[in-house]
Amino acid sequence: MQNGRWATRDLAPALPGSEFVLTLWTDDAVLAGLADVAGIDRVGVDLEMRGKRERQAGLGTWISTHRIERLPAVRGALARARLFARVNPVSADTSEEVERLLGLGVEVLMLPMFRSAEEVARFAEVVAGRAAVVPLLETRAAAEDIERVAGVEGVREIHLGINDLALDLGLPNRFAVLDCELVERVSAHVREAGLRLGVGGIGRVDDAGLPIASDLIYAQYPRLGATAALISRAFLGPGAGGLGEEIARSRARLARWYAASQVELQEAHEAFRAALERCTSW
């Protein structure tokens, strides 16, 4: 909340052409400040620990070591970005975890690994409108229950988590989620319900080190109707320019794809499928 009200970019349904919401996970106050200046919309911690290391063992995916104690410093570094946290899946500890985070000023709470609308409703009831609730859809059961999930009171955005969803769907890698019939049905229903749709994360524009060209991945966002994404670690790695410059390039490229014709999007989809068949990385 800012000046006593939620920013529309966090809560308003997003239609094609709306502002694209970018989120950075960090518990480093210095990086949080840089992200804020760079125009990233949400900045905060990933606190999900329960079961994640076991689910993603051997995949080389990033496992967070963020600490809740660092949130006050992160919050102090933000002037415009919303303070964000991904919590643990719903459990007997959820109420205590949520209350602590709200007390530290968190404005956007992401709920991972739910399997039904009832879990989302329970979480939203605990939050009670005091923060934006973003269900992170990562299971087949949740995808198949999407109509009820999208109808939970207090939910105005749903994000698709591609790592765990790919595992649960038995897909060969995380990129295959972007070309999955079930995910396309989920995306269509989220849009029809007037909710914002977020999908996975994006890499840097023209990053040659990615398993699939970032431009082909960017093109899938307008095809799916998604207007939110996480910022990958590639924005901070070798070869990256200044964070503000890289974020500006990403927003410009996303805008270019949102302005693309259906023919261009179809061609990019076909090129993405071809790249997917050649992809040997998770």
C-alpha atoms as a PDB file:
ATOM      1  CA  MET A   1       0.000   0.000   0.000  1.00  0.00           C
ATOM      2  CA  GLN A   2       1.240   3.474  -0.806  1.00  0.00           C
ATOM      3  CA  ASN A   3      -0.412   6.663   0.424  1.00  0.00           C
ATOM      4  CA  GLY A   4      -3.207   4.561   1.876  1.00  0.00           C
ATOM      5  CA  ARG A   5      -4.195   2.757  -1.317  1.00  0.00           C
ATOM      6  CA  TRP A   6      -3.030  -0.035  -3.572  1.00  0.00           C
ATOM      7  CA  ALA A   7      -1.285   0.870  -6.793  1.00  0.00           C
ATOM      8  CA  THR A   8      -3.397  -0.082  -9.803  1.00  0.00           C
ATOM      9  CA  ARG A   9      -0.505  -1.912 -11.434  1.00  0.00           C
ATOM     10  CA  ASP A  10      -0.619  -4.428  -8.545  1.00  0.00           C
ATOM     11  CA  LEU A  11      -4.340  -5.047  -8.363  1.00  0.00           C
ATOM     12  CA  ALA A  12      -6.110  -3.943 -11.529  1.00  0.00           C
ATOM     13  CA  PRO A  13      -6.855  -6.629 -14.141  1.00  0.00           C
ATOM     14  CA  ALA A  14      -4.247  -6.416 -16.871  1.00  0.00           C
ATOM     15  CA  LEU A  15      -5.301  -6.282 -20.486  1.00  0.00           C
ATOM     16  CA  PRO A  16      -2.958  -6.401 -23.500  1.00  0.00           C
ATOM     17  CA  GLY A  17      -0.877  -3.244 -23.503  1.00  0.00           C
ATOM     18  CA  SER A  18      -1.116  -2.706 -19.735  1.00  0.00           C
ATOM     19  CA  GLU A  19       2.012  -2.067 -17.717  1.00  0.00           C
ATOM     20  CA  PHE A  20       4.102  -5.216 -17.361  1.00  0.00           C
ATOM     21  CA  VAL A  21       4.816  -6.081 -13.707  1.00  0.00           C
ATOM     22  CA  LEU A  22       8.370  -7.221 -12.951  1.00  0.00           C
ATOM     23  CA  THR A  23       9.447  -8.815  -9.664  1.00  0.00           C
ATOM     24  CA  LEU A  24      12.943  -9.330  -8.241  1.00  0.00           C
ATOM     25  CA  TRP A  25      13.692 -11.707  -5.397  1.00  0.00           C
ATOM     26  CA  THR A  26      16.447 -10.460  -3.109  1.00  0.00           C
ATOM     27  CA  ASP A  27      17.182  -9.907   0.568  1.00  0.00           C
ATOM     28  CA  ASP A  28      20.098  -7.605  -0.275  1.00  0.00           C
ATOM     29  CA  ALA A  29      19.181  -4.015   0.559  1.00  0.00           C
ATOM     30  CA  VAL A  30      21.750  -2.570  -1.856  1.00  0.00           C
ATOM     31  CA  LEU A  31      20.404  -4.605  -4.763  1.00  0.00           C
ATOM     32  CA  ALA A  32      16.849  -3.771  -3.695  1.00  0.00           C
ATOM     33  CA  GLY A  33      17.679  -0.082  -3.973  1.00  0.00           C
ATOM     34  CA  LEU A  34      19.153  -0.567  -7.448  1.00  0.00           C
ATOM     35  CA  ALA A  35      16.057  -2.512  -8.501  1.00  0.00           C
ATOM     36  CA  ASP A  36      13.810   0.246  -7.220  1.00  0.00           C
ATOM     37  CA  VAL A  37      15.671   2.870  -9.239  1.00  0.00           C
ATOM     38  CA  ALA A  38      15.653   0.569 -12.282  1.00  0.00           C
ATOM     39  CA  GLY A  39      11.848   0.544 -12.270  1.00  0.00           C
ATOM     40  CA  ILE A  40      11.225  -3.009 -11.049  1.00  0.00           C
ATOM     41  CA  ASP A  41       7.729  -3.115  -9.579  1.00  0.00           C
ATOM     42  CA  ARG A  42       8.055  -5.622  -6.742  1.00  0.00           C
ATOM     43  CA  VAL A  43      11.124  -6.455  -4.690  1.00  0.00           C
ATOM     44  CA  GLY A  44      11.461  -8.837  -1.797  1.00  0.00           C
ATOM     45  CA  VAL A  45      12.253 -12.236  -0.400  1.00  0.00           C
ATOM     46  CA  ASP A  46      11.644 -15.842  -1.305  1.00  0.00           C
ATOM     47  CA  LEU A  47      10.989 -17.666   1.961  1.00  0.00           C
ATOM     48  CA  GLU A  48       9.672 -20.918   0.515  1.00  0.00           C
ATOM     49  CA  MET A  49      11.670 -23.759   2.035  1.00  0.00           C
ATOM     50  CA  ARG A  50       9.230 -26.538   2.835  1.00  0.00           C
ATOM     51  CA  GLY A  51       9.763 -29.436   0.422  1.00  0.00           C
ATOM     52  CA  LYS A  52      11.344 -27.391  -2.344  1.00  0.00           C
ATOM     53  CA  ARG A  53      14.881 -28.763  -2.137  1.00  0.00           C
ATOM     54  CA  GLU A  54      13.551 -32.323  -2.324  1.00  0.00           C
ATOM     55  CA  ARG A  55      11.214 -31.591  -5.270  1.00  0.00           C
ATOM     56  CA  GLN A  56      13.915 -29.959  -7.373  1.00  0.00           C
ATOM     57  CA  ALA A  57      16.883 -32.109  -6.356  1.00  0.00           C
ATOM     58  CA  GLY A  58      19.430 -32.551  -9.142  1.00  0.00           C
ATOM     59  CA  LEU A  59      17.958 -29.918 -11.462  1.00  0.00           C
ATOM     60  CA  GLY A  60      20.410 -27.157 -10.683  1.00  0.00           C
ATOM     61  CA  THR A  61      17.595 -24.718  -9.954  1.00  0.00           C
ATOM     62  CA  TRP A  62      18.132 -21.877  -7.500  1.00  0.00           C
ATOM     63  CA  ILE A  63      17.080 -22.544  -3.895  1.00  0.00           C
ATOM     64  CA  SER A  64      16.616 -19.421  -1.807  1.00  0.00           C
ATOM     65  CA  THR A  65      18.593 -18.721   1.356  1.00  0.00           C
ATOM     66  CA  HIS A  66      16.740 -15.481   2.055  1.00  0.00           C
ATOM     67  CA  ARG A  67      16.111 -14.479   5.660  1.00  0.00           C
ATOM     68  CA  ILE A  68      13.032 -12.693   6.916  1.00  0.00           C
ATOM     69  CA  GLU A  69      15.223 -10.646   9.275  1.00  0.00           C
ATOM     70  CA  ARG A  70      16.568  -8.731   6.275  1.00  0.00           C
ATOM     71  CA  LEU A  71      13.171  -7.439   5.184  1.00  0.00           C
ATOM     72  CA  PRO A  72      13.316  -4.173   7.167  1.00  0.00           C
ATOM     73  CA  ALA A  73      16.530  -3.185   5.373  1.00  0.00           C
ATOM     74  CA  VAL A  74      15.034  -4.136   2.001  1.00  0.00           C
ATOM     75  CA  ARG A  75      11.922  -2.128   2.782  1.00  0.00           C
ATOM     76  CA  GLY A  76      14.038   0.874   3.712  1.00  0.00           C
ATOM     77  CA  ALA A  77      15.713   0.773   0.291  1.00  0.00           C
ATOM     78  CA  LEU A  78      12.439   1.026  -1.645  1.00  0.00           C
ATOM     79  CA  ALA A  79      10.853   4.282  -2.741  1.00  0.00           C
ATOM     80  CA  ARG A  80       8.361   3.043  -5.361  1.00  0.00           C
ATOM     81  CA  ALA A  81       8.557  -0.754  -5.620  1.00  0.00           C
ATOM     82  CA  ARG A  82       6.130  -2.863  -3.574  1.00  0.00           C
ATOM     83  CA  LEU A  83       7.643  -5.050  -0.841  1.00  0.00           C
ATOM     84  CA  PHE A  84       7.135  -8.682  -1.805  1.00  0.00           C
ATOM     85  CA  ALA A  85       7.469 -12.127  -0.220  1.00  0.00           C
ATOM     86  CA  ARG A  86       6.881 -15.688  -1.334  1.00  0.00           C
ATOM     87  CA  VAL A  87       5.765 -17.712   1.661  1.00  0.00           C
ATOM     88  CA  ASN A  88       5.630 -21.431   2.389  1.00  0.00           C
ATOM     89  CA  PRO A  89       2.687 -23.580   1.265  1.00  0.00           C
ATOM     90  CA  VAL A  90      -0.426 -23.473   3.464  1.00  0.00           C
ATOM     91  CA  SER A  91       0.097 -25.173   6.821  1.00  0.00           C
ATOM     92  CA  ALA A  92      -0.613 -24.736  10.509  1.00  0.00           C
ATOM     93  CA  ASP A  93       2.108 -22.063  10.510  1.00  0.00           C
ATOM     94  CA  THR A  94       0.582 -19.920   7.762  1.00  0.00           C
ATOM     95  CA  SER A  95      -1.216 -17.452  10.004  1.00  0.00           C
ATOM     96  CA  GLU A  96       1.902 -16.753  12.066  1.00  0.00           C
ATOM     97  CA  GLU A  97       4.054 -16.374   8.944  1.00  0.00           C
ATOM     98  CA  VAL A  98       1.588 -14.001   7.283  1.00  0.00           C
ATOM     99  CA  GLU A  99       1.160 -11.851  10.377  1.00  0.00           C
ATOM    100  CA  ARG A 100       4.906 -11.477  10.763  1.00  0.00           C
ATOM    101  CA  LEU A 101       5.346 -10.463   7.130  1.00  0.00           C
ATOM    102  CA  LEU A 102       2.478  -7.996   7.224  1.00  0.00           C
ATOM    103  CA  GLY A 103       3.985  -6.507  10.360  1.00  0.00           C
ATOM    104  CA  LEU A 104       7.195  -5.924   8.392  1.00  0.00           C
ATOM    105  CA  GLY A 105       5.318  -4.039   5.691  1.00  0.00           C
ATOM    106  CA  VAL A 106       5.000  -6.685   2.965  1.00  0.00           C
ATOM    107  CA  GLU A 107       2.429  -5.621   0.376  1.00  0.00           C
ATOM    108  CA  VAL A 108       2.393  -8.576  -2.029  1.00  0.00           C
ATOM    109  CA  LEU A 109       2.265 -12.198  -0.827  1.00  0.00           C
ATOM    110  CA  MET A 110       2.807 -15.140  -3.184  1.00  0.00           C
ATOM    111  CA  LEU A 111       1.419 -18.552  -2.202  1.00  0.00           C
ATOM    112  CA  PRO A 112       3.238 -21.554  -3.744  1.00  0.00           C
ATOM    113  CA  MET A 113       2.381 -25.221  -4.249  1.00  0.00           C
ATOM    114  CA  PHE A 114      -1.371 -25.121  -3.663  1.00  0.00           C
ATOM    115  CA  ARG A 115      -3.540 -27.851  -5.122  1.00  0.00           C
ATOM    116  CA  SER A 116      -7.056 -26.507  -4.710  1.00  0.00           C
ATOM    117  CA  ALA A 117      -9.166 -23.391  -4.475  1.00  0.00           C
ATOM    118  CA  GLU A 118      -9.780 -24.202  -0.801  1.00  0.00           C
ATOM    119  CA  GLU A 119      -6.089 -23.674   0.015  1.00  0.00           C
ATOM    120  CA  VAL A 120      -6.066 -20.344  -1.797  1.00  0.00           C
ATOM    121  CA  ALA A 121      -9.269 -19.273  -0.045  1.00  0.00           C
ATOM    122  CA  ARG A 122      -7.801 -20.209   3.327  1.00  0.00           C
ATOM    123  CA  PHE A 123      -4.701 -18.140   2.594  1.00  0.00           C
ATOM    124  CA  ALA A 124      -6.719 -15.173   1.328  1.00  0.00           C
ATOM    125  CA  GLU A 125      -8.849 -15.322   4.464  1.00  0.00           C
ATOM    126  CA  VAL A 126      -5.738 -15.085   6.646  1.00  0.00           C
ATOM    127  CA  VAL A 127      -4.425 -12.141   4.616  1.00  0.00           C
ATOM    128  CA  ALA A 128      -7.869 -10.510   4.840  1.00  0.00           C
ATOM    129  CA  GLY A 129      -7.228  -7.853   2.199  1.00  0.00           C
ATOM    130  CA  ARG A 130      -4.152  -6.455   3.919  1.00  0.00           C
ATOM    131  CA  ALA A 131      -1.872  -7.345   1.001  1.00  0.00           C
ATOM    132  CA  ALA A 132      -2.199  -8.446  -2.595  1.00  0.00           C
ATOM    133  CA  VAL A 133      -2.548 -12.241  -2.843  1.00  0.00           C
ATOM    134  CA  VAL A 134      -0.796 -13.938  -5.769  1.00  0.00           C
ATOM    135  CA  PRO A 135      -1.387 -17.698  -6.020  1.00  0.00           C
ATOM    136  CA  LEU A 136       1.614 -19.378  -7.672  1.00  0.00           C
ATOM    137  CA  LEU A 137       0.146 -22.184  -9.765  1.00  0.00           C
ATOM    138  CA  GLU A 138       2.643 -25.074  -9.827  1.00  0.00           C
ATOM    139  CA  THR A 139       0.575 -28.279  -9.803  1.00  0.00           C
ATOM    140  CA  ARG A 140      -1.673 -30.185 -12.190  1.00  0.00           C
ATOM    141  CA  ALA A 141      -4.415 -30.292  -9.563  1.00  0.00           C
ATOM    142  CA  ALA A 142      -4.398 -26.497  -9.260  1.00  0.00           C
ATOM    143  CA  ALA A 143      -4.454 -26.107 -13.047  1.00  0.00           C
ATOM    144  CA  GLU A 144      -7.440 -28.414 -13.303  1.00  0.00           C
ATOM    145  CA  ASP A 145      -9.198 -26.405 -10.574  1.00  0.00           C
ATOM    146  CA  ILE A 146      -8.454 -23.071 -12.237  1.00  0.00           C
ATOM    147  CA  GLU A 147     -12.068 -21.966 -12.589  1.00  0.00           C
ATOM    148  CA  ARG A 148     -12.625 -22.084  -8.843  1.00  0.00           C
ATOM    149  CA  VAL A 149      -9.149 -20.728  -8.047  1.00  0.00           C
ATOM    150  CA  ALA A 150      -9.774 -17.693 -10.249  1.00  0.00           C
ATOM    151  CA  GLY A 151     -13.034 -17.117  -8.406  1.00  0.00           C
ATOM    152  CA  VAL A 152     -11.543 -16.919  -4.911  1.00  0.00           C
ATOM    153  CA  GLU A 153     -12.372 -13.594  -3.311  1.00  0.00           C
ATOM    154  CA  GLY A 154      -9.333 -11.358  -3.006  1.00  0.00           C
ATOM    155  CA  VAL A 155      -7.422 -12.942  -5.891  1.00  0.00           C
ATOM    156  CA  ARG A 156      -6.773 -10.594  -8.810  1.00  0.00           C
ATOM    157  CA  GLU A 157      -3.646 -12.190 -10.197  1.00  0.00           C
ATOM    158  CA  ILE A 158      -2.354 -15.719 -10.798  1.00  0.00           C
ATOM    159  CA  HIS A 159       1.249 -16.584 -11.587  1.00  0.00           C
ATOM    160  CA  LEU A 160       2.378 -19.803 -13.285  1.00  0.00           C
ATOM    161  CA  GLY A 161       5.538 -21.267 -11.742  1.00  0.00           C
ATOM    162  CA  ILE A 162       7.256 -23.142 -14.536  1.00  0.00           C
ATOM    163  CA  ASN A 163       9.834 -25.251 -12.650  1.00  0.00           C
ATOM    164  CA  ASP A 164       7.533 -27.183 -10.341  1.00  0.00           C
ATOM    165  CA  LEU A 165       4.675 -27.187 -12.843  1.00  0.00           C
ATOM    166  CA  ALA A 166       6.926 -28.826 -15.444  1.00  0.00           C
ATOM    167  CA  LEU A 167       7.870 -31.472 -12.863  1.00  0.00           C
ATOM    168  CA  ASP A 168       4.265 -32.138 -11.867  1.00  0.00           C
ATOM    169  CA  LEU A 169       3.164 -32.384 -15.504  1.00  0.00           C
ATOM    170  CA  GLY A 170       6.065 -34.686 -16.393  1.00  0.00           C
ATOM    171  CA  LEU A 171       7.434 -32.308 -19.034  1.00  0.00           C
ATOM    172  CA  PRO A 172      11.028 -32.638 -20.288  1.00  0.00           C
ATOM    173  CA  ASN A 173      12.043 -29.138 -19.166  1.00  0.00           C
ATOM    174  CA  ARG A 174      10.628 -25.931 -17.754  1.00  0.00           C
ATOM    175  CA  PHE A 175      10.342 -24.201 -21.124  1.00  0.00           C
ATOM    176  CA  ALA A 176       7.827 -26.807 -22.304  1.00  0.00           C
ATOM    177  CA  VAL A 177       5.292 -25.260 -19.920  1.00  0.00           C
ATOM    178  CA  LEU A 178       4.996 -22.351 -22.376  1.00  0.00           C
ATOM    179  CA  ASP A 179       3.753 -24.720 -25.080  1.00  0.00           C
ATOM    180  CA  CYS A 180       1.479 -26.941 -22.989  1.00  0.00           C
ATOM    181  CA  GLU A 181      -2.213 -27.340 -23.831  1.00  0.00           C
ATOM    182  CA  LEU A 182      -3.256 -27.384 -20.169  1.00  0.00           C
ATOM    183  CA  VAL A 183      -1.334 -24.167 -19.493  1.00  0.00           C
ATOM    184  CA  GLU A 184      -2.926 -22.510 -22.511  1.00  0.00           C
ATOM    185  CA  ARG A 185      -6.351 -23.414 -21.124  1.00  0.00           C
ATOM    186  CA  VAL A 186      -5.380 -22.027 -17.725  1.00  0.00           C
ATOM    187  CA  SER A 187      -4.105 -18.811 -19.305  1.00  0.00           C
ATOM    188  CA  ALA A 188      -7.286 -18.364 -21.296  1.00  0.00           C
ATOM    189  CA  HIS A 189      -9.449 -18.836 -18.214  1.00  0.00           C
ATOM    190  CA  VAL A 190      -7.397 -16.388 -16.142  1.00  0.00           C
ATOM    191  CA  ARG A 191      -7.790 -13.760 -18.857  1.00  0.00           C
ATOM    192  CA  GLU A 192     -11.521 -14.436 -19.201  1.00  0.00           C
ATOM    193  CA  ALA A 193     -11.880 -13.965 -15.436  1.00  0.00           C
ATOM    194  CA  GLY A 194     -10.296 -10.494 -15.774  1.00  0.00           C
ATOM    195  CA  LEU A 195      -7.245 -11.382 -13.685  1.00  0.00           C
ATOM    196  CA  ARG A 196      -3.621 -10.507 -14.297  1.00  0.00           C
ATOM    197  CA  LEU A 197      -1.573 -13.459 -15.504  1.00  0.00           C
ATOM    198  CA  GLY A 198       2.094 -13.886 -14.605  1.00  0.00           C
ATOM    199  CA  VAL A 199       4.315 -16.562 -16.101  1.00  0.00           C
ATOM    200  CA  GLY A 200       7.722 -17.763 -14.876  1.00  0.00           C
ATOM    201  CA  GLY A 201      10.623 -15.421 -15.369  1.00  0.00           C
ATOM    202  CA  ILE A 202      12.380 -13.586 -18.173  1.00  0.00           C
ATOM    203  CA  GLY A 203      16.063 -13.348 -19.046  1.00  0.00           C
ATOM    204  CA  ARG A 204      17.987 -10.452 -20.534  1.00  0.00           C
ATOM    205  CA  VAL A 205      17.276  -9.318 -24.080  1.00  0.00           C
ATOM    206  CA  ASP A 206      19.582 -11.037 -26.603  1.00  0.00           C
ATOM    207  CA  ASP A 207      21.340 -13.126 -23.936  1.00  0.00           C
ATOM    208  CA  ALA A 208      23.177 -15.740 -26.018  1.00  0.00           C
ATOM    209  CA  GLY A 209      23.795 -17.941 -22.982  1.00  0.00           C
ATOM    210  CA  LEU A 210      20.171 -19.037 -22.557  1.00  0.00           C
ATOM    211  CA  PRO A 211      19.006 -22.520 -23.657  1.00  0.00           C
ATOM    212  CA  ILE A 212      16.274 -20.876 -25.770  1.00  0.00           C
ATOM    213  CA  ALA A 213      16.648 -17.366 -27.192  1.00  0.00           C
ATOM    214  CA  SER A 214      15.114 -14.829 -24.840  1.00  0.00           C
ATOM    215  CA  ASP A 215      13.300 -13.140 -27.734  1.00  0.00           C
ATOM    216  CA  LEU A 216      11.354 -16.334 -28.466  1.00  0.00           C
ATOM    217  CA  ILE A 217      10.394 -16.578 -24.794  1.00  0.00           C
ATOM    218  CA  TYR A 218       9.347 -12.919 -24.693  1.00  0.00           C
ATOM    219  CA  ALA A 219       7.057 -13.558 -27.660  1.00  0.00           C
ATOM    220  CA  GLN A 220       5.115 -16.183 -25.708  1.00  0.00           C
ATOM    221  CA  TYR A 221       3.909 -13.606 -23.168  1.00  0.00           C
ATOM    222  CA  PRO A 222       1.481 -11.768 -25.464  1.00  0.00           C
ATOM    223  CA  ARG A 223       0.467 -15.105 -26.986  1.00  0.00           C
ATOM    224  CA  LEU A 224      -0.560 -16.332 -23.531  1.00  0.00           C
ATOM    225  CA  GLY A 225      -1.828 -12.912 -22.444  1.00  0.00           C
ATOM    226  CA  ALA A 226       0.664 -12.652 -19.573  1.00  0.00           C
ATOM    227  CA  THR A 227       1.690  -9.267 -18.168  1.00  0.00           C
ATOM    228  CA  ALA A 228       3.889 -10.211 -15.217  1.00  0.00           C
ATOM    229  CA  ALA A 229       7.161 -12.085 -14.761  1.00  0.00           C
ATOM    230  CA  LEU A 230      10.025 -12.623 -12.377  1.00  0.00           C
ATOM    231  CA  ILE A 231      13.481 -11.237 -13.154  1.00  0.00           C
ATOM    232  CA  SER A 232      16.016 -14.014 -13.668  1.00  0.00           C
ATOM    233  CA  ARG A 233      19.502 -14.050 -12.170  1.00  0.00           C
ATOM    234  CA  ALA A 234      20.844 -13.448 -15.703  1.00  0.00           C
ATOM    235  CA  PHE A 235      20.114  -9.745 -15.223  1.00  0.00           C
ATOM    236  CA  LEU A 236      22.868  -9.671 -12.615  1.00  0.00           C
ATOM    237  CA  GLY A 237      25.323 -12.151 -14.112  1.00  0.00           C
ATOM    238  CA  PRO A 238      28.315 -11.973 -16.461  1.00  0.00           C
ATOM    239  CA  GLY A 239      27.699  -9.885 -19.561  1.00  0.00           C
ATOM    240  CA  ALA A 240      24.853  -7.894 -18.038  1.00  0.00           C
ATOM    241  CA  GLY A 241      24.864  -4.119 -18.324  1.00  0.00           C
ATOM    242  CA  GLY A 242      23.472  -1.774 -15.718  1.00  0.00           C
ATOM    243  CA  LEU A 243      20.241  -3.061 -14.180  1.00  0.00           C
ATOM    244  CA  GLY A 244      18.279   0.017 -15.249  1.00  0.00           C
ATOM    245  CA  GLU A 245      19.501  -0.319 -18.819  1.00  0.00           C
ATOM    246  CA  GLU A 246      18.668  -4.021 -18.964  1.00  0.00           C
ATOM    247  CA  ILE A 247      15.181  -3.522 -17.516  1.00  0.00           C
ATOM    248  CA  ALA A 248      14.471  -0.726 -20.008  1.00  0.00           C
ATOM    249  CA  ARG A 249      15.549  -2.993 -22.879  1.00  0.00           C
ATOM    250  CA  SER A 250      13.310  -5.780 -21.603  1.00  0.00           C
ATOM    251  CA  ARG A 251      10.278  -3.514 -21.309  1.00  0.00           C
ATOM    252  CA  ALA A 252      10.880  -2.193 -24.813  1.00  0.00           C
ATOM    253  CA  ARG A 253      11.169  -5.703 -26.242  1.00  0.00           C
ATOM    254  CA  LEU A 254       8.023  -6.867 -24.444  1.00  0.00           C
ATOM    255  CA  ALA A 255       6.167  -3.826 -25.802  1.00  0.00           C
ATOM    256  CA  ARG A 256       7.404  -4.692 -29.286  1.00  0.00           C
ATOM    257  CA  TRP A 257       5.999  -8.199 -29.006  1.00  0.00           C
ATOM    258  CA  TYR A 258       2.694  -6.928 -27.607  1.00  0.00           C
ATOM    259  CA  ALA A 259       2.431  -4.710 -30.693  1.00  0.00           C
ATOM    260  CA  ALA A 260       3.241  -7.620 -33.030  1.00  0.00           C
ATOM    261  CA  SER A 261       0.724  -8.999 -35.493  1.00  0.00           C
ATOM    262  CA  GLN A 262      -0.878 -12.410 -35.077  1.00  0.00           C
ATOM    263  CA  VAL A 263       1.221 -13.613 -37.995  1.00  0.00           C
ATOM    264  CA  GLU A 264       4.432 -12.541 -36.227  1.00  0.00           C
ATOM    265  CA  LEU A 265       3.319 -14.185 -32.983  1.00  0.00           C
ATOM    266  CA  GLN A 266       2.498 -17.412 -34.813  1.00  0.00           C
ATOM    267  CA  GLU A 267       5.891 -17.420 -36.518  1.00  0.00           C
ATOM    268  CA  ALA A 268       7.587 -16.856 -33.159  1.00  0.00           C
ATOM    269  CA  HIS A 269       5.535 -19.684 -31.671  1.00  0.00           C
ATOM    270  CA  GLU A 270       6.667 -22.057 -34.405  1.00  0.00           C
ATOM    271  CA  ALA A 271      10.294 -20.986 -33.919  1.00  0.00           C
ATOM    272  CA  PHE A 272       9.916 -21.499 -30.177  1.00  0.00           C
ATOM    273  CA  ARG A 273       8.605 -25.031 -30.734  1.00  0.00           C
ATOM    274  CA  ALA A 274      11.554 -25.827 -32.981  1.00  0.00           C
ATOM    275  CA  ALA A 275      13.977 -24.518 -30.350  1.00  0.00           C
ATOM    276  CA  LEU A 276      12.143 -26.510 -27.691  1.00  0.00           C
ATOM    277  CA  GLU A 277      12.724 -29.735 -29.589  1.00  0.00           C
ATOM    278  CA  ARG A 278      16.464 -29.020 -29.653  1.00  0.00           C
ATOM    279  CA  CYS A 279      16.663 -27.952 -26.001  1.00  0.00           C
ATOM    280  CA  THR A 280      18.627 -30.312 -23.767  1.00  0.00           C
ATOM    281  CA  SER A 281      18.701 -28.101 -20.648  1.00  0.00           C
ATOM    282  CA  TRP A 282      16.207 -28.178 -17.818  1.00  0.00           C
END
